[in-house]
Amino acid sequence: MAKKKTTFFCKSCGFESPKWIGKCPGCEQWNTFAEEVRVSQTPNTWAKSSRKIVSPSNINEIQSLEAKKSGSSDRELDLVLGGGIVPGSVILLGGEPGIGKSTLLLQMALKSTQSVLYISGEESESQIKLRADRVGIKNQNCEVLTETLLENILDYIKANPPEVIVVDSIQTLYSEDVDAAAGSITQIRECAGKLLHFAKEFNVPVFLVGHITKEGSIAGPKLLEHMVDTVLQFEGDRHHVYRILRTLKNRFGSTQELGIYEMRSGGLIPVDNPSEVWISQRDEALSGISIGCVLEGIRPLMIEVQSLVSSAVYGTPQRSATGFDLRRLNMLLAVLEKRCGFGLGQSDVFVNLAGGLRLEDPALDLSMMAAIMSSYQGLNIQKGIVFSGEVGLSGEVRAVQRLDQRINEAKKLGFTDMVISKYNKFDNQSITGINLHTFGKVDEVFSWLFG
């Protein structure tokens, strides 16, 4: 007979406990324990015939297999996935409500040359048809199935296996084998596990849409992100038109790639040249604004860095960063005060990356410090200058990687001067169309900029 057992486990790290506790001993997070009802089988229910003798293989004798990737008919999605969709892979796409997750995958299904089964547990067939009409793409290879019972879905796809499966969303599915409500942690783990088993057995890629919590993490157990092969994050402000697709985990490619879309009435449109989007076109020069060159994966981007430095009205000066690491901002302010002699201890400092981007490339340090000093002194930075350099704690300008790609992107957008580290190795004679200014210290950059 099957026995039911109630346990509690942490949603963050998976630590199990026979009773509910407030603070997890494993990850030290508060209020993360959730109840789970498990059904255990007695030893007599296991068939001895199902067991087999296992033996290891020498790693040098194992034949290497290169993962063959197929295009998804979406340039940005293929870039983020590392070149395309790997057969048998499970891809989890998360994002805020209304950000465009369903639209992105429906567009992919309608553009694909493969047979795609779009499974929806949130919308009816007529609602999906309305979105497809708005996108304006017709595809005879795309089929729609509105079902939430996992066993019914598995029976159909095993009898009629498509080439690509889209599940919108994993939180709406439920299995009869689990005594829990749809969307619970137990159901999410069970449904994801069965879909993962199907994907590996039939070599069919599966896209899973996942909801997120108010903290920004994907709803459900953390084990869900460990089970899948790729985790994608769809970001952006619903009040703005631009959306960013990031890779949080990818077993078949890099996690540094970035996909950029523009939300229009006809769906999501890939952005051909994102650097032009995030550089404001102004008629007059303003202080506190600089242009930095960063790399996201293989793509160089020109980003407008905005800064505002003002006298602190209240006792404690404010430090605010939008799209930039606040701890790194505090480090750069300490370098300005200790190494360069600028007293910013009694000033409010606000920085922002235009366009709603969130970047971590250390090459943005020099541009950030230039924007702060421009606002602090009330002096404009000359138009046509772009910065690319990391700043160390001793005030040195450190070299950045793949400088040639950054230079080519700056020349393509019409920049005339580029400030870099003197420790970067490059052939000055082969570079034309842009003036390279090399410095070893931050104070040397400021002397050249502001005199």
Foldseek 3Di string as FASTA:
>chain_A
DKDKAKWKAFQEPGRIDSDDDQADPPPRDGPRIDIFIDIDDDPVVDDPVVDDDDDDDDPVPDDDDAFDFDALQDVLVCVQQARHHGFLFEEEEEEAPPLAPVLVVLVSCLRDPWQEEEEEQPDDPVVSVVLCVQLPGHDPRYHYHYDAELVVVVVVCVVVPTQEYEYHALQRHAYPVGDDDRNAQVRSVVSLVVVSVVRNVVRHYYYHYFYADPVGHTPHGPVSVVSGAWYWYWDDDSVAFKIKIFTPHHPNHDRQAIWMWGQDSNTTHGDPACQVVQDDDDPDFFALWAWEWFDRDPDIHIWIKGKAKAFAPDDAAAQEEQLEDSVVVVLLVLLCCPQVPDDRRGIHMYMYIGPRHRDDGQQCSLRNSRSHVRNVVVHTFDPQEYGGFHADSNQFTHADPPVVNRLVSSQVVPRAEYEHAPPDDDDPVVDPRHHYHHDTGSNVVVVVGPD
